[in-house]
């Protein structure tokens, strides 16, 4: 199972959360950024619907797949 980690960091004169190298919008306080990260982390865990998806792989070929709506990552908030 994948794990998505939200990290609270200084960003653009305020606070933000980031996942890998992607930052959220800045928040004026650490607590606001942490609350936003906790909401986002909780939303990642919400199951969805099973759906057919189509995507292009690195080899340039198209692939069809069934994406299970119950296959959700584990999440945590650091910082």
PDB file of N, CA and C in Angstrom:
ATOM      1  N   UNK A   1       0.851  -1.179   0.000  1.00  0.00           N
ATOM      2  CA  UNK A   1       0.000   0.000   0.000  1.00  0.00           C
ATOM      3  C   UNK A   1       0.895   1.240   0.000  1.00  0.00           C
ATOM      4  N   UNK A   2       0.509   2.212  -0.763  1.00  0.00           N
ATOM      5  CA  UNK A   2       1.256   3.476  -0.836  1.00  0.00           C
ATOM      6  C   UNK A   2       1.040   4.293   0.428  1.00  0.00           C
ATOM      7  N   UNK A   3       2.015   5.132   0.747  1.00  0.00           N
ATOM      8  CA  UNK A   3       1.893   6.046   1.871  1.00  0.00           C
ATOM      9  C   UNK A   3       2.126   7.463   1.367  1.00  0.00           C
ATOM     10  N   UNK A   4       1.198   8.355   1.643  1.00  0.00           N
ATOM     11  CA  UNK A   4       1.315   9.757   1.257  1.00  0.00           C
ATOM     12  C   UNK A   4       1.611  10.545   2.525  1.00  0.00           C
ATOM     13  N   UNK A   5       2.755  11.240   2.540  1.00  0.00           N
ATOM     14  CA  UNK A   5       3.131  12.011   3.719  1.00  0.00           C
ATOM     15  C   UNK A   5       3.015  13.500   3.435  1.00  0.00           C
ATOM     16  N   UNK A   6       2.275  14.179   4.290  1.00  0.00           N
ATOM     17  CA  UNK A   6       2.095  15.623   4.229  1.00  0.00           C
ATOM     18  C   UNK A   6       3.051  16.228   5.242  1.00  0.00           C
ATOM     19  N   UNK A   7       3.911  17.129   4.785  1.00  0.00           N
ATOM     20  CA  UNK A   7       4.893  17.746   5.672  1.00  0.00           C
ATOM     21  C   UNK A   7       4.616  19.238   5.789  1.00  0.00           C
ATOM     22  N   UNK A   8       4.595  19.769   7.020  1.00  0.00           N
ATOM     23  CA  UNK A   8       4.364  21.196   7.251  1.00  0.00           C
ATOM     24  C   UNK A   8       5.717  21.900   7.167  1.00  0.00           C
ATOM     25  N   UNK A   9       5.788  22.960   6.318  1.00  0.00           N
ATOM     26  CA  UNK A   9       7.055  23.659   6.076  1.00  0.00           C
ATOM     27  C   UNK A   9       6.835  25.167   5.985  1.00  0.00           C
ATOM     28  N   UNK A  10       7.928  25.941   6.220  1.00  0.00           N
ATOM     29  CA  UNK A  10       7.928  27.382   5.932  1.00  0.00           C
ATOM     30  C   UNK A  10       7.821  27.539   4.418  1.00  0.00           C
ATOM     31  N   UNK A  11       6.950  28.477   3.968  1.00  0.00           N
ATOM     32  CA  UNK A  11       6.806  28.644   2.520  1.00  0.00           C
ATOM     33  C   UNK A  11       6.196  30.005   2.199  1.00  0.00           C
ATOM     34  N   UNK A  12       6.839  30.761   1.331  1.00  0.00           N
ATOM     35  CA  UNK A  12       6.336  32.059   0.844  1.00  0.00           C
ATOM     36  C   UNK A  12       5.902  33.001   1.964  1.00  0.00           C
ATOM     37  N   UNK A  13       6.707  33.093   2.993  1.00  0.00           N
ATOM     38  CA  UNK A  13       6.409  34.011   4.085  1.00  0.00           C
ATOM     39  C   UNK A  13       5.349  33.520   5.051  1.00  0.00           C
ATOM     40  N   UNK A  14       4.963  32.282   4.936  1.00  0.00           N
ATOM     41  CA  UNK A  14       3.968  31.702   5.827  1.00  0.00           C
ATOM     42  C   UNK A  14       4.276  30.240   6.024  1.00  0.00           C
ATOM     43  N   UNK A  15       3.235  29.446   6.103  1.00  0.00           N
ATOM     44  CA  UNK A  15       3.356  28.007   6.289  1.00  0.00           C
ATOM     45  C   UNK A  15       2.566  27.302   5.198  1.00  0.00           C
ATOM     46  N   UNK A  16       3.019  26.123   4.817  1.00  0.00           N
ATOM     47  CA  UNK A  16       2.328  25.319   3.811  1.00  0.00           C
ATOM     48  C   UNK A  16       2.524  23.852   4.164  1.00  0.00           C
ATOM     49  N   UNK A  17       1.780  23.017   3.494  1.00  0.00           N
ATOM     50  CA  UNK A  17       2.093  21.590   3.554  1.00  0.00           C
ATOM     51  C   UNK A  17       2.567  21.184   2.171  1.00  0.00           C
ATOM     52  N   UNK A  18       3.379  20.148   2.131  1.00  0.00           N
ATOM     53  CA  UNK A  18       3.842  19.654   0.847  1.00  0.00           C
ATOM     54  C   UNK A  18       3.805  18.141   0.839  1.00  0.00           C
ATOM     55  N   UNK A  19       3.640  17.610  -0.356  1.00  0.00           N
ATOM     56  CA  UNK A  19       3.711  16.184  -0.610  1.00  0.00           C
ATOM     57  C   UNK A  19       4.775  16.029  -1.684  1.00  0.00           C
ATOM     58  N   UNK A  20       5.860  15.349  -1.314  1.00  0.00           N
ATOM     59  CA  UNK A  20       7.042  15.255  -2.162  1.00  0.00           C
ATOM     60  C   UNK A  20       7.508  16.676  -2.494  1.00  0.00           C
ATOM     61  N   UNK A  21       7.471  17.095  -3.757  1.00  0.00           N
ATOM     62  CA  UNK A  21       7.941  18.434  -4.124  1.00  0.00           C
ATOM     63  C   UNK A  21       6.810  19.394  -4.461  1.00  0.00           C
ATOM     64  N   UNK A  22       5.575  19.053  -4.111  1.00  0.00           N
ATOM     65  CA  UNK A  22       4.420  19.884  -4.442  1.00  0.00           C
ATOM     66  C   UNK A  22       3.913  20.573  -3.171  1.00  0.00           C
ATOM     67  N   UNK A  23       3.819  21.915  -3.232  1.00  0.00           N
ATOM     68  CA  UNK A  23       3.405  22.716  -2.083  1.00  0.00           C
ATOM     69  C   UNK A  23       1.942  23.133  -2.191  1.00  0.00           C
ATOM     70  N   UNK A  24       1.308  23.252  -1.046  1.00  0.00           N
ATOM     71  CA  UNK A  24      -0.030  23.839  -0.986  1.00  0.00           C
ATOM     72  C   UNK A  24       0.109  25.350  -1.074  1.00  0.00           C
ATOM     73  N   UNK A  25      -1.020  26.036  -1.055  1.00  0.00           N
ATOM     74  CA  UNK A  25      -0.982  27.492  -0.931  1.00  0.00           C
ATOM     75  C   UNK A  25      -0.444  27.824   0.459  1.00  0.00           C
ATOM     76  N   UNK A  26       0.119  29.008   0.634  1.00  0.00           N
ATOM     77  CA  UNK A  26       0.623  29.371   1.965  1.00  0.00           C
ATOM     78  C   UNK A  26      -0.520  29.742   2.913  1.00  0.00           C
ATOM     79  N   UNK A  27      -0.309  29.446   4.175  1.00  0.00           N
ATOM     80  CA  UNK A  27      -1.238  29.798   5.247  1.00  0.00           C
ATOM     81  C   UNK A  27      -0.510  30.722   6.209  1.00  0.00           C
ATOM     82  N   UNK A  28      -1.222  31.643   6.847  1.00  0.00           N
ATOM     83  CA  UNK A  28      -0.559  32.603   7.737  1.00  0.00           C
ATOM     84  C   UNK A  28       0.068  31.961   8.977  1.00  0.00           C
ATOM     85  N   UNK A  29      -0.535  30.855   9.452  1.00  0.00           N
ATOM     86  CA  UNK A  29      -0.011  30.246  10.675  1.00  0.00           C
ATOM     87  C   UNK A  29       0.264  28.760  10.461  1.00  0.00           C
ATOM     88  N   UNK A  30       1.128  28.255  11.316  1.00  0.00           N
ATOM     89  CA  UNK A  30       1.457  26.828  11.320  1.00  0.00           C
ATOM     90  C   UNK A  30       0.182  26.008  11.563  1.00  0.00           C
ATOM     91  N   UNK A  31      -0.621  26.427  12.539  1.00  0.00           N
ATOM     92  CA  UNK A  31      -1.831  25.669  12.882  1.00  0.00           C
ATOM     93  C   UNK A  31      -2.800  25.571  11.710  1.00  0.00           C
ATOM     94  N   UNK A  32      -2.934  26.646  10.941  1.00  0.00           N
ATOM     95  CA  UNK A  32      -3.823  26.605   9.771  1.00  0.00           C
ATOM     96  C   UNK A  32      -3.282  25.647   8.713  1.00  0.00           C
ATOM     97  N   UNK A  33      -1.985  25.663   8.502  1.00  0.00           N
ATOM     98  CA  UNK A  33      -1.376  24.755   7.525  1.00  0.00           C
ATOM     99  C   UNK A  33      -1.539  23.302   7.982  1.00  0.00           C
ATOM    100  N   UNK A  34      -1.338  23.058   9.253  1.00  0.00           N
ATOM    101  CA  UNK A  34      -1.483  21.691   9.773  1.00  0.00           C
ATOM    102  C   UNK A  34      -2.925  21.216   9.650  1.00  0.00           C
ATOM    103  N   UNK A  35      -3.881  22.064   9.968  1.00  0.00           N
ATOM    104  CA  UNK A  35      -5.297  21.693   9.831  1.00  0.00           C
ATOM    105  C   UNK A  35      -5.632  21.361   8.383  1.00  0.00           C
ATOM    106  N   UNK A  36      -5.134  22.180   7.457  1.00  0.00           N
ATOM    107  CA  UNK A  36      -5.381  21.930   6.034  1.00  0.00           C
ATOM    108  C   UNK A  36      -4.754  20.605   5.600  1.00  0.00           C
ATOM    109  N   UNK A  37      -3.544  20.324   6.087  1.00  0.00           N
ATOM    110  CA  UNK A  37      -2.872  19.061   5.750  1.00  0.00           C
ATOM    111  C   UNK A  37      -3.645  17.870   6.312  1.00  0.00           C
ATOM    112  N   UNK A  38      -4.142  17.997   7.522  1.00  0.00           N
ATOM    113  CA  UNK A  38      -4.916  16.911   8.121  1.00  0.00           C
ATOM    114  C   UNK A  38      -6.210  16.658   7.357  1.00  0.00           C
ATOM    115  N   UNK A  39      -6.863  17.728   6.884  1.00  0.00           N
ATOM    116  CA  UNK A  39      -8.077  17.561   6.058  1.00  0.00           C
ATOM    117  C   UNK A  39      -7.738  16.857   4.747  1.00  0.00           C
ATOM    118  N   UNK A  40      -6.657  17.310   4.095  1.00  0.00           N
ATOM    119  CA  UNK A  40      -6.257  16.704   2.815  1.00  0.00           C
ATOM    120  C   UNK A  40      -5.884  15.235   3.007  1.00  0.00           C
ATOM    121  N   UNK A  41      -5.165  14.933   4.082  1.00  0.00           N
ATOM    122  CA  UNK A  41      -4.768  13.550   4.358  1.00  0.00           C
ATOM    123  C   UNK A  41      -6.002  12.675   4.589  1.00  0.00           C
ATOM    124  N   UNK A  42      -6.987  13.195   5.308  1.00  0.00           N
ATOM    125  CA  UNK A  42      -8.210  12.433   5.561  1.00  0.00           C
ATOM    126  C   UNK A  42      -8.977  12.182   4.266  1.00  0.00           C
ATOM    127  N   UNK A  43      -9.006  13.174   3.378  1.00  0.00           N
ATOM    128  CA  UNK A  43      -9.714  13.021   2.103  1.00  0.00           C
ATOM    129  C   UNK A  43      -9.074  11.953   1.226  1.00  0.00           C
ATOM    130  N   UNK A  44      -7.764  11.770   1.333  1.00  0.00           N
ATOM    131  CA  UNK A  44      -7.077  10.740   0.549  1.00  0.00           C
ATOM    132  C   UNK A  44      -7.561   9.340   0.904  1.00  0.00           C
ATOM    133  N   UNK A  45      -8.038   9.170   2.123  1.00  0.00           N
ATOM    134  CA  UNK A  45      -8.454   7.851   2.593  1.00  0.00           C
ATOM    135  C   UNK A  45      -9.891   7.497   2.238  1.00  0.00           C
ATOM    136  N   UNK A  46     -10.667   8.461   1.767  1.00  0.00           N
ATOM    137  CA  UNK A  46     -12.080   8.228   1.474  1.00  0.00           C
ATOM    138  C   UNK A  46     -12.204   7.345   0.238  1.00  0.00           C
ATOM    139  N   UNK A  47     -12.888   6.213   0.372  1.00  0.00           N
ATOM    140  CA  UNK A  47     -13.045   5.337  -0.779  1.00  0.00           C
ATOM    141  C   UNK A  47     -13.885   5.984  -1.869  1.00  0.00           C
ATOM    142  N   UNK A  48     -13.618   5.602  -3.080  1.00  0.00           N
ATOM    143  CA  UNK A  48     -14.371   6.101  -4.221  1.00  0.00           C
ATOM    144  C   UNK A  48     -15.089   4.955  -4.905  1.00  0.00           C
ATOM    145  N   UNK A  49     -15.415   5.180  -6.150  1.00  0.00           N
ATOM    146  CA  UNK A  49     -16.097   4.149  -6.933  1.00  0.00           C
ATOM    147  C   UNK A  49     -15.087   3.408  -7.788  1.00  0.00           C
ATOM    148  N   UNK A  50     -15.343   2.147  -8.020  1.00  0.00           N
ATOM    149  CA  UNK A  50     -14.525   1.388  -8.951  1.00  0.00           C
ATOM    150  C   UNK A  50     -14.838   1.896 -10.357  1.00  0.00           C
ATOM    151  N   UNK A  51     -13.788   2.143 -11.158  1.00  0.00           N
ATOM    152  CA  UNK A  51     -13.992   2.719 -12.484  1.00  0.00           C
ATOM    153  C   UNK A  51     -12.959   2.170 -13.458  1.00  0.00           C
ATOM    154  N   UNK A  52     -13.348   2.140 -14.707  1.00  0.00           N
ATOM    155  CA  UNK A  52     -12.413   1.783 -15.779  1.00  0.00           C
ATOM    156  C   UNK A  52     -11.600   3.022 -16.120  1.00  0.00           C
ATOM    157  N   UNK A  53     -10.279   2.874 -16.215  1.00  0.00           N
ATOM    158  CA  UNK A  53      -9.426   3.996 -16.588  1.00  0.00           C
ATOM    159  C   UNK A  53      -8.567   3.609 -17.784  1.00  0.00           C
ATOM    160  N   UNK A  54      -8.130   4.605 -18.506  1.00  0.00           N
ATOM    161  CA  UNK A  54      -7.245   4.426 -19.652  1.00  0.00           C
ATOM    162  C   UNK A  54      -6.095   5.406 -19.477  1.00  0.00           C
ATOM    163  N   UNK A  55      -4.864   4.938 -19.661  1.00  0.00           N
ATOM    164  CA  UNK A  55      -3.703   5.818 -19.517  1.00  0.00           C
ATOM    165  C   UNK A  55      -2.617   5.409 -20.492  1.00  0.00           C
ATOM    166  N   UNK A  56      -1.753   6.380 -20.787  1.00  0.00           N
ATOM    167  CA  UNK A  56      -0.639   6.129 -21.687  1.00  0.00           C
ATOM    168  C   UNK A  56       0.611   5.871 -20.854  1.00  0.00           C
ATOM    169  N   UNK A  57       1.244   4.735 -21.075  1.00  0.00           N
ATOM    170  CA  UNK A  57       2.434   4.369 -20.331  1.00  0.00           C
ATOM    171  C   UNK A  57       3.674   5.057 -20.864  1.00  0.00           C
ATOM    172  N   UNK A  58       4.769   4.887 -20.136  1.00  0.00           N
ATOM    173  CA  UNK A  58       6.039   5.492 -20.544  1.00  0.00           C
ATOM    174  C   UNK A  58       6.494   4.989 -21.911  1.00  0.00           C
ATOM    175  N   UNK A  59       6.036   3.800 -22.279  1.00  0.00           N
ATOM    176  CA  UNK A  59       6.398   3.236 -23.588  1.00  0.00           C
ATOM    177  C   UNK A  59       5.557   3.809 -24.728  1.00  0.00           C
ATOM    178  N   UNK A  60       4.614   4.711 -24.415  1.00  0.00           N
ATOM    179  CA  UNK A  60       3.767   5.329 -25.427  1.00  0.00           C
ATOM    180  C   UNK A  60       2.516   4.537 -25.759  1.00  0.00           C
ATOM    181  N   UNK A  61       2.385   3.351 -25.192  1.00  0.00           N
ATOM    182  CA  UNK A  61       1.222   2.505 -25.465  1.00  0.00           C
ATOM    183  C   UNK A  61       0.105   2.822 -24.478  1.00  0.00           C
ATOM    184  N   UNK A  62      -1.137   2.669 -24.945  1.00  0.00           N
ATOM    185  CA  UNK A  62      -2.299   2.915 -24.101  1.00  0.00           C
ATOM    186  C   UNK A  62      -2.679   1.638 -23.371  1.00  0.00           C
ATOM    187  N   UNK A  63      -3.116   1.799 -22.123  1.00  0.00           N
ATOM    188  CA  UNK A  63      -3.483   0.678 -21.277  1.00  0.00           C
ATOM    189  C   UNK A  63      -4.877   0.915 -20.702  1.00  0.00           C
ATOM    190  N   UNK A  64      -5.642  -0.161 -20.585  1.00  0.00           N
ATOM    191  CA  UNK A  64      -6.951  -0.136 -19.937  1.00  0.00           C
ATOM    192  C   UNK A  64      -6.816  -0.876 -18.618  1.00  0.00           C
ATOM    193  N   UNK A  65      -7.461  -0.339 -17.596  1.00  0.00           N
ATOM    194  CA  UNK A  65      -7.339  -0.928 -16.269  1.00  0.00           C
ATOM    195  C   UNK A  65      -8.598  -0.616 -15.460  1.00  0.00           C
ATOM    196  N   UNK A  66      -8.891  -1.469 -14.521  1.00  0.00           N
ATOM    197  CA  UNK A  66      -9.975  -1.208 -13.578  1.00  0.00           C
ATOM    198  C   UNK A  66      -9.322  -0.685 -12.297  1.00  0.00           C
ATOM    199  N   UNK A  67      -9.719   0.520 -11.882  1.00  0.00           N
ATOM    200  CA  UNK A  67      -9.199   1.119 -10.656  1.00  0.00           C
ATOM    201  C   UNK A  67     -10.208   0.884  -9.539  1.00  0.00           C
ATOM    202  N   UNK A  68      -9.786   0.129  -8.552  1.00  0.00           N
ATOM    203  CA  UNK A  68     -10.665  -0.172  -7.423  1.00  0.00           C
ATOM    204  C   UNK A  68     -10.839   1.039  -6.528  1.00  0.00           C
ATOM    205  N   UNK A  69     -12.035   1.394  -6.215  1.00  0.00           N
ATOM    206  CA  UNK A  69     -12.303   2.564  -5.383  1.00  0.00           C
ATOM    207  C   UNK A  69     -11.905   2.376  -3.924  1.00  0.00           C
ATOM    208  N   UNK A  70     -11.627   1.143  -3.543  1.00  0.00           N
ATOM    209  CA  UNK A  70     -11.242   0.871  -2.158  1.00  0.00           C
ATOM    210  C   UNK A  70      -9.728   0.898  -1.961  1.00  0.00           C
ATOM    211  N   UNK A  71      -8.970   1.032  -3.036  1.00  0.00           N
ATOM    212  CA  UNK A  71      -7.512   0.996  -2.985  1.00  0.00           C
ATOM    213  C   UNK A  71      -6.974   2.402  -2.656  1.00  0.00           C
ATOM    214  N   UNK A  72      -6.974   2.756  -1.389  1.00  0.00           N
ATOM    215  CA  UNK A  72      -6.586   4.094  -0.951  1.00  0.00           C
ATOM    216  C   UNK A  72      -5.251   4.050  -0.219  1.00  0.00           C
ATOM    217  N   UNK A  73      -4.454   5.104  -0.321  1.00  0.00           N
ATOM    218  CA  UNK A  73      -3.156   5.111   0.362  1.00  0.00           C
ATOM    219  C   UNK A  73      -3.290   5.370   1.862  1.00  0.00           C
ATOM    220  N   UNK A  74      -2.264   4.975   2.580  1.00  0.00           N
ATOM    221  CA  UNK A  74      -2.135   5.379   3.975  1.00  0.00           C
ATOM    222  C   UNK A  74      -1.603   6.813   3.957  1.00  0.00           C
ATOM    223  N   UNK A  75      -1.948   7.606   4.944  1.00  0.00           N
ATOM    224  CA  UNK A  75      -1.475   8.994   4.996  1.00  0.00           C
ATOM    225  C   UNK A  75      -1.003   9.340   6.393  1.00  0.00           C
ATOM    226  N   UNK A  76      -0.107  10.335   6.467  1.00  0.00           N
ATOM    227  CA  UNK A  76       0.266  10.890   7.764  1.00  0.00           C
ATOM    228  C   UNK A  76       0.738  12.318   7.566  1.00  0.00           C
ATOM    229  N   UNK A  77       0.714  13.079   8.656  1.00  0.00           N
ATOM    230  CA  UNK A  77       1.124  14.482   8.642  1.00  0.00           C
ATOM    231  C   UNK A  77       2.350  14.607   9.538  1.00  0.00           C
ATOM    232  N   UNK A  78       3.412  15.205   8.986  1.00  0.00           N
ATOM    233  CA  UNK A  78       4.680  15.351   9.715  1.00  0.00           C
ATOM    234  C   UNK A  78       4.956  16.835   9.907  1.00  0.00           C
ATOM    235  N   UNK A  79       5.443  17.163  11.079  1.00  0.00           N
ATOM    236  CA  UNK A  79       5.828  18.552  11.321  1.00  0.00           C
ATOM    237  C   UNK A  79       4.844  19.278  12.195  1.00  0.00           C
TER     238      UNK A  79
END
